[in-house]
Amino acid sequence: MIITVAGGKGGTGKSMIATSLAFVFAKTKKTFLIDVDVECPNDHLLLNIERQKVETFCQNLALI
Protein backbone atom coordinates (compact mmCIF):
# COMPACT_ATOMS: atom_id res chain seq x y z
CA MET A 1 0.00 0.00 0.00
CA ILE A 2 1.28 3.49 -0.85
CA ILE A 3 -0.21 6.59 0.74
CA THR A 4 0.78 10.05 -0.48
CA VAL A 5 0.10 13.25 1.44
CA ALA A 6 0.59 16.28 -0.81
CA GLY A 7 -0.53 19.83 -1.35
CA GLY A 8 0.72 23.13 -2.65
CA LYS A 9 0.23 25.38 0.36
CA GLY A 10 2.45 25.34 3.42
CA GLY A 11 1.16 25.15 6.97
CA THR A 12 -1.89 23.00 6.29
CA GLY A 13 -0.82 19.96 8.34
CA LYS A 14 0.60 17.67 5.65
CA SER A 15 3.63 16.71 7.74
CA MET A 16 1.48 16.11 10.83
CA ILE A 17 -0.86 13.80 8.90
CA ALA A 18 2.01 11.95 7.19
CA THR A 19 4.00 11.39 10.40
CA SER A 20 0.89 10.37 12.33
CA LEU A 21 -0.06 7.80 9.69
CA ALA A 22 3.51 6.47 9.55
CA PHE A 23 3.65 6.19 13.34
CA VAL A 24 0.42 4.19 13.50
CA PHE A 25 1.28 1.91 10.56
CA ALA A 26 4.81 1.25 11.88
CA LYS A 27 3.32 -0.45 14.93
CA THR A 28 2.17 -3.39 12.81
CA LYS A 29 3.82 -3.11 9.36
CA LYS A 30 7.16 -2.29 7.80
CA THR A 31 6.78 1.42 7.06
CA PHE A 32 8.79 3.99 5.10
CA LEU A 33 8.20 7.70 5.58
CA ILE A 34 9.89 9.83 2.92
CA ASP A 35 9.85 13.61 3.39
CA VAL A 36 10.47 15.11 -0.05
CA ASP A 37 9.91 18.74 0.93
CA VAL A 38 12.87 20.43 -0.78
CA GLU A 39 12.55 23.70 1.13
CA CYS A 40 11.94 22.60 4.70
CA PRO A 41 11.78 18.86 5.41
CA ASN A 42 10.73 18.53 9.05
CA ASP A 43 9.19 15.10 9.60
CA HIS A 44 12.21 14.19 11.75
CA LEU A 45 11.33 17.06 14.10
CA LEU A 46 7.76 15.87 14.54
CA LEU A 47 8.95 12.33 15.28
CA ASN A 48 11.81 13.53 17.53
CA ILE A 49 14.48 11.54 15.67
CA GLU A 50 17.97 12.48 14.55
CA ARG A 51 18.63 12.43 10.83
CA GLN A 52 21.54 10.49 9.36
CA LYS A 53 23.33 11.76 6.26
CA VAL A 54 23.37 9.00 3.67
CA GLU A 55 24.45 10.80 0.51
CA THR A 56 24.92 14.30 -0.85
CA PHE A 57 22.82 15.03 -3.91
CA CYS A 58 23.41 18.00 -6.22
CA GLN A 59 21.23 19.10 -9.09
CA ASN A 60 22.15 21.79 -11.60
CA LEU A 61 19.53 24.48 -12.04
CA ALA A 62 18.81 26.18 -15.34
CA LEU A 63 19.47 29.92 -15.49
CA ILE A 64 16.54 31.83 -16.92
PDB file of N, CA and C in Angstrom:
ATOM      1  N   MET A   1       0.855  -1.169   0.000  1.00  0.00           N
ATOM      2  CA  MET A   1       0.000   0.000   0.000  1.00  0.00           C
ATOM      3  C   MET A   1       0.904   1.236   0.000  1.00  0.00           C
ATOM      4  N   ILE A   2       0.574   2.220  -0.804  1.00  0.00           N
ATOM      5  CA  ILE A   2       1.284   3.491  -0.847  1.00  0.00           C
ATOM      6  C   ILE A   2       0.284   4.590  -0.550  1.00  0.00           C
ATOM      7  N   ILE A   3       0.627   5.440   0.405  1.00  0.00           N
ATOM      8  CA  ILE A   3      -0.209   6.591   0.740  1.00  0.00           C
ATOM      9  C   ILE A   3       0.630   7.836   0.510  1.00  0.00           C
ATOM     10  N   THR A   4       0.087   8.796  -0.207  1.00  0.00           N
ATOM     11  CA  THR A   4       0.782  10.051  -0.476  1.00  0.00           C
ATOM     12  C   THR A   4      -0.001  11.197   0.147  1.00  0.00           C
ATOM     13  N   VAL A   5       0.709  12.051   0.871  1.00  0.00           N
ATOM     14  CA  VAL A   5       0.102  13.248   1.439  1.00  0.00           C
ATOM     15  C   VAL A   5       0.773  14.428   0.753  1.00  0.00           C
ATOM     16  N   ALA A   6       0.005  15.199  -0.025  1.00  0.00           N
ATOM     17  CA  ALA A   6       0.594  16.275  -0.810  1.00  0.00           C
ATOM     18  C   ALA A   6      -0.338  17.476  -0.864  1.00  0.00           C
ATOM     19  N   GLY A   7       0.240  18.608  -1.189  1.00  0.00           N
ATOM     20  CA  GLY A   7      -0.527  19.829  -1.353  1.00  0.00           C
ATOM     21  C   GLY A   7       0.412  20.968  -1.678  1.00  0.00           C
ATOM     22  N   GLY A   8      -0.111  22.033  -2.216  1.00  0.00           N
ATOM     23  CA  GLY A   8       0.720  23.135  -2.647  1.00  0.00           C
ATOM     24  C   GLY A   8       0.966  24.204  -1.605  1.00  0.00           C
ATOM     25  N   LYS A   9       0.113  24.314  -0.623  1.00  0.00           N
ATOM     26  CA  LYS A   9       0.229  25.382   0.364  1.00  0.00           C
ATOM     27  C   LYS A   9       0.910  24.881   1.626  1.00  0.00           C
ATOM     28  N   GLY A  10       1.782  25.698   2.178  1.00  0.00           N
ATOM     29  CA  GLY A  10       2.447  25.341   3.423  1.00  0.00           C
ATOM     30  C   GLY A  10       1.569  25.601   4.637  1.00  0.00           C
ATOM     31  N   GLY A  11       1.856  24.900   5.723  1.00  0.00           N
ATOM     32  CA  GLY A  11       1.164  25.152   6.975  1.00  0.00           C
ATOM     33  C   GLY A  11      -0.226  24.559   7.087  1.00  0.00           C
ATOM     34  N   THR A  12      -0.542  23.571   6.249  1.00  0.00           N
ATOM     35  CA  THR A  12      -1.886  22.995   6.290  1.00  0.00           C
ATOM     36  C   THR A  12      -1.957  21.676   7.046  1.00  0.00           C
ATOM     37  N   GLY A  13      -0.814  21.182   7.543  1.00  0.00           N
ATOM     38  CA  GLY A  13      -0.823  19.960   8.340  1.00  0.00           C
ATOM     39  C   GLY A  13      -0.409  18.702   7.604  1.00  0.00           C
ATOM     40  N   LYS A  14       0.196  18.842   6.421  1.00  0.00           N
ATOM     41  CA  LYS A  14       0.600  17.665   5.650  1.00  0.00           C
ATOM     42  C   LYS A  14       1.607  16.812   6.417  1.00  0.00           C
ATOM     43  N   SER A  15       2.606  17.453   7.008  1.00  0.00           N
ATOM     44  CA  SER A  15       3.627  16.705   7.744  1.00  0.00           C
ATOM     45  C   SER A  15       3.030  16.024   8.978  1.00  0.00           C
ATOM     46  N   MET A  16       2.116  16.699   9.644  1.00  0.00           N
ATOM     47  CA  MET A  16       1.478  16.113  10.828  1.00  0.00           C
ATOM     48  C   MET A  16       0.669  14.876  10.449  1.00  0.00           C
ATOM     49  N   ILE A  17      -0.077  14.949   9.365  1.00  0.00           N
ATOM     50  CA  ILE A  17      -0.862  13.803   8.903  1.00  0.00           C
ATOM     51  C   ILE A  17       0.066  12.659   8.486  1.00  0.00           C
ATOM     52  N   ALA A  18       1.101  12.980   7.694  1.00  0.00           N
ATOM     53  CA  ALA A  18       2.014  11.953   7.194  1.00  0.00           C
ATOM     54  C   ALA A  18       2.746  11.250   8.329  1.00  0.00           C
ATOM     55  N   THR A  19       3.265  12.013   9.291  1.00  0.00           N
ATOM     56  CA  THR A  19       3.996  11.386  10.398  1.00  0.00           C
ATOM     57  C   THR A  19       3.057  10.605  11.312  1.00  0.00           C
ATOM     58  N   SER A  20       1.857  11.100  11.499  1.00  0.00           N
ATOM     59  CA  SER A  20       0.886  10.370  12.331  1.00  0.00           C
ATOM     60  C   SER A  20       0.512   9.037  11.700  1.00  0.00           C
ATOM     61  N   LEU A  21       0.251   9.045  10.394  1.00  0.00           N
ATOM     62  CA  LEU A  21      -0.058   7.797   9.693  1.00  0.00           C
ATOM     63  C   LEU A  21       1.117   6.821   9.764  1.00  0.00           C
ATOM     64  N   ALA A  22       2.321   7.325   9.515  1.00  0.00           N
ATOM     65  CA  ALA A  22       3.506   6.468   9.551  1.00  0.00           C
ATOM     66  C   ALA A  22       3.707   5.869  10.943  1.00  0.00           C
ATOM     67  N   PHE A  23       3.495   6.666  11.966  1.00  0.00           N
ATOM     68  CA  PHE A  23       3.652   6.194  13.342  1.00  0.00           C
ATOM     69  C   PHE A  23       2.686   5.047  13.650  1.00  0.00           C
ATOM     70  N   VAL A  24       1.438   5.218  13.248  1.00  0.00           N
ATOM     71  CA  VAL A  24       0.421   4.186  13.503  1.00  0.00           C
ATOM     72  C   VAL A  24       0.711   2.923  12.696  1.00  0.00           C
ATOM     73  N   PHE A  25       1.012   3.075  11.398  1.00  0.00           N
ATOM     74  CA  PHE A  25       1.284   1.909  10.562  1.00  0.00           C
ATOM     75  C   PHE A  25       2.536   1.163  10.995  1.00  0.00           C
ATOM     76  N   ALA A  26       3.542   1.879  11.487  1.00  0.00           N
ATOM     77  CA  ALA A  26       4.811   1.252  11.882  1.00  0.00           C
ATOM     78  C   ALA A  26       4.647   0.322  13.078  1.00  0.00           C
ATOM     79  N   LYS A  27       3.568   0.451  13.792  1.00  0.00           N
ATOM     80  CA  LYS A  27       3.325  -0.446  14.932  1.00  0.00           C
ATOM     81  C   LYS A  27       3.050  -1.875  14.480  1.00  0.00           C
ATOM     82  N   THR A  28       2.534  -2.052  13.261  1.00  0.00           N
ATOM     83  CA  THR A  28       2.170  -3.394  12.809  1.00  0.00           C
ATOM     84  C   THR A  28       2.754  -3.786  11.454  1.00  0.00           C
ATOM     85  N   LYS A  29       3.316  -2.816  10.706  1.00  0.00           N
ATOM     86  CA  LYS A  29       3.818  -3.111   9.360  1.00  0.00           C
ATOM     87  C   LYS A  29       5.154  -2.412   9.132  1.00  0.00           C
ATOM     88  N   LYS A  30       5.944  -2.966   8.214  1.00  0.00           N
ATOM     89  CA  LYS A  30       7.164  -2.293   7.798  1.00  0.00           C
ATOM     90  C   LYS A  30       6.752  -1.009   7.081  1.00  0.00           C
ATOM     91  N   THR A  31       7.260   0.130   7.529  1.00  0.00           N
ATOM     92  CA  THR A  31       6.782   1.417   7.060  1.00  0.00           C
ATOM     93  C   THR A  31       7.946   2.324   6.673  1.00  0.00           C
ATOM     94  N   PHE A  32       7.814   2.997   5.537  1.00  0.00           N
ATOM     95  CA  PHE A  32       8.786   3.994   5.102  1.00  0.00           C
ATOM     96  C   PHE A  32       8.092   5.340   5.045  1.00  0.00           C
ATOM     97  N   LEU A  33       8.693   6.329   5.664  1.00  0.00           N
ATOM     98  CA  LEU A  33       8.203   7.701   5.583  1.00  0.00           C
ATOM     99  C   LEU A  33       9.277   8.498   4.853  1.00  0.00           C
ATOM    100  N   ILE A  34       8.926   9.079   3.726  1.00  0.00           N
ATOM    101  CA  ILE A  34       9.886   9.832   2.920  1.00  0.00           C
ATOM    102  C   ILE A  34       9.399  11.270   2.842  1.00  0.00           C
ATOM    103  N   ASP A  35      10.173  12.180   3.411  1.00  0.00           N
ATOM    104  CA  ASP A  35       9.846  13.606   3.392  1.00  0.00           C
ATOM    105  C   ASP A  35      10.572  14.237   2.208  1.00  0.00           C
ATOM    106  N   VAL A  36       9.850  14.569   1.164  1.00  0.00           N
ATOM    107  CA  VAL A  36      10.469  15.114  -0.045  1.00  0.00           C
ATOM    108  C   VAL A  36      10.253  16.626  -0.175  1.00  0.00           C
ATOM    109  N   ASP A  37      10.020  17.286   0.933  1.00  0.00           N
ATOM    110  CA  ASP A  37       9.906  18.739   0.935  1.00  0.00           C
ATOM    111  C   ASP A  37      11.303  19.320   0.713  1.00  0.00           C
ATOM    112  N   VAL A  38      11.530  19.947  -0.445  1.00  0.00           N
ATOM    113  CA  VAL A  38      12.868  20.432  -0.780  1.00  0.00           C
ATOM    114  C   VAL A  38      13.231  21.715  -0.036  1.00  0.00           C
ATOM    115  N   GLU A  39      12.258  22.449   0.446  1.00  0.00           N
ATOM    116  CA  GLU A  39      12.551  23.702   1.134  1.00  0.00           C
ATOM    117  C   GLU A  39      12.714  23.534   2.635  1.00  0.00           C
ATOM    118  N   CYS A  40      11.886  22.729   3.244  1.00  0.00           N
ATOM    119  CA  CYS A  40      11.944  22.603   4.702  1.00  0.00           C
ATOM    120  C   CYS A  40      11.437  21.230   5.157  1.00  0.00           C
ATOM    121  N   PRO A  41      12.215  20.169   4.923  1.00  0.00           N
ATOM    122  CA  PRO A  41      11.781  18.860   5.411  1.00  0.00           C
ATOM    123  C   PRO A  41      11.841  18.835   6.941  1.00  0.00           C
ATOM    124  N   ASN A  42      10.749  18.473   7.581  1.00  0.00           N
ATOM    125  CA  ASN A  42      10.726  18.533   9.046  1.00  0.00           C
ATOM    126  C   ASN A  42      10.058  17.341   9.719  1.00  0.00           C
ATOM    127  N   ASP A  43       9.821  16.270   8.986  1.00  0.00           N
ATOM    128  CA  ASP A  43       9.192  15.098   9.603  1.00  0.00           C
ATOM    129  C   ASP A  43      10.019  14.576  10.773  1.00  0.00           C
ATOM    130  N   HIS A  44      11.342  14.666  10.666  1.00  0.00           N
ATOM    131  CA  HIS A  44      12.210  14.193  11.750  1.00  0.00           C
ATOM    132  C   HIS A  44      11.969  14.981  13.040  1.00  0.00           C
ATOM    133  N   LEU A  45      11.615  16.253  12.913  1.00  0.00           N
ATOM    134  CA  LEU A  45      11.335  17.058  14.102  1.00  0.00           C
ATOM    135  C   LEU A  45      10.050  16.603  14.784  1.00  0.00           C
ATOM    136  N   LEU A  46       9.034  16.313  13.977  1.00  0.00           N
ATOM    137  CA  LEU A  46       7.756  15.872  14.536  1.00  0.00           C
ATOM    138  C   LEU A  46       7.868  14.509  15.210  1.00  0.00           C
ATOM    139  N   LEU A  47       8.781  13.662  14.706  1.00  0.00           N
ATOM    140  CA  LEU A  47       8.955  12.326  15.279  1.00  0.00           C
ATOM    141  C   LEU A  47      10.077  12.279  16.326  1.00  0.00           C
ATOM    142  N   ASN A  48      10.732  13.424  16.538  1.00  0.00           N
ATOM    143  CA  ASN A  48      11.808  13.530  17.526  1.00  0.00           C
ATOM    144  C   ASN A  48      12.917  12.501  17.266  1.00  0.00           C
ATOM    145  N   ILE A  49      13.374  12.437  16.019  1.00  0.00           N
ATOM    146  CA  ILE A  49      14.476  11.540  15.665  1.00  0.00           C
ATOM    147  C   ILE A  49      15.607  12.342  15.031  1.00  0.00           C
ATOM    148  N   GLU A  50      16.816  11.823  15.130  1.00  0.00           N
ATOM    149  CA  GLU A  50      17.968  12.484  14.547  1.00  0.00           C
ATOM    150  C   GLU A  50      18.214  11.937  13.154  1.00  0.00           C
ATOM    151  N   ARG A  51      18.393  12.842  12.206  1.00  0.00           N
ATOM    152  CA  ARG A  51      18.629  12.426  10.827  1.00  0.00           C
ATOM    153  C   ARG A  51      20.058  11.911  10.666  1.00  0.00           C
ATOM    154  N   GLN A  52      20.228  11.001   9.705  1.00  0.00           N
ATOM    155  CA  GLN A  52      21.542  10.489   9.356  1.00  0.00           C
ATOM    156  C   GLN A  52      21.808  10.841   7.899  1.00  0.00           C
ATOM    157  N   LYS A  53      22.972  11.424   7.636  1.00  0.00           N
ATOM    158  CA  LYS A  53      23.329  11.764   6.259  1.00  0.00           C
ATOM    159  C   LYS A  53      23.747  10.491   5.541  1.00  0.00           C
ATOM    160  N   VAL A  54      23.078  10.199   4.443  1.00  0.00           N
ATOM    161  CA  VAL A  54      23.374   9.004   3.665  1.00  0.00           C
ATOM    162  C   VAL A  54      24.200   9.369   2.442  1.00  0.00           C
ATOM    163  N   GLU A  55      23.801  10.439   1.768  1.00  0.00           N
ATOM    164  CA  GLU A  55      24.445  10.805   0.515  1.00  0.00           C
ATOM    165  C   GLU A  55      24.167  12.273   0.214  1.00  0.00           C
ATOM    166  N   THR A  56      25.135  12.938  -0.396  1.00  0.00           N
ATOM    167  CA  THR A  56      24.923  14.298  -0.851  1.00  0.00           C
ATOM    168  C   THR A  56      24.450  14.262  -2.291  1.00  0.00           C
ATOM    169  N   PHE A  57      23.397  15.011  -2.564  1.00  0.00           N
ATOM    170  CA  PHE A  57      22.816  15.032  -3.910  1.00  0.00           C
ATOM    171  C   PHE A  57      22.848  16.462  -4.414  1.00  0.00           C
ATOM    172  N   CYS A  58      23.375  16.666  -5.613  1.00  0.00           N
ATOM    173  CA  CYS A  58      23.410  18.002  -6.225  1.00  0.00           C
ATOM    174  C   CYS A  58      22.690  17.953  -7.560  1.00  0.00           C
ATOM    175  N   GLN A  59      21.955  19.001  -7.833  1.00  0.00           N
ATOM    176  CA  GLN A  59      21.227  19.102  -9.089  1.00  0.00           C
ATOM    177  C   GLN A  59      21.500  20.476  -9.682  1.00  0.00           C
ATOM    178  N   ASN A  60      21.933  20.510 -10.924  1.00  0.00           N
ATOM    179  CA  ASN A  60      22.145  21.788 -11.601  1.00  0.00           C
ATOM    180  C   ASN A  60      20.808  22.436 -11.923  1.00  0.00           C
ATOM    181  N   LEU A  61      20.747  23.733 -11.740  1.00  0.00           N
ATOM    182  CA  LEU A  61      19.529  24.478 -12.042  1.00  0.00           C
ATOM    183  C   LEU A  61      19.742  25.297 -13.301  1.00  0.00           C
ATOM    184  N   ALA A  62      18.733  25.393 -14.118  1.00  0.00           N
ATOM    185  CA  ALA A  62      18.814  26.185 -15.343  1.00  0.00           C
ATOM    186  C   ALA A  62      18.730  27.662 -14.998  1.00  0.00           C
ATOM    187  N   LEU A  63      19.552  28.471 -15.649  1.00  0.00           N
ATOM    188  CA  LEU A  63      19.474  29.919 -15.488  1.00  0.00           C
ATOM    189  C   LEU A  63      18.490  30.456 -16.511  1.00  0.00           C
ATOM    190  N   ILE A  64      17.565  31.266 -16.026  1.00  0.00           N
ATOM    191  CA  ILE A  64      16.541  31.832 -16.923  1.00  0.00           C
ATOM    192  C   ILE A  64      16.725  33.324 -17.007  1.00  0.00           C
TER     193      ILE A  64
END
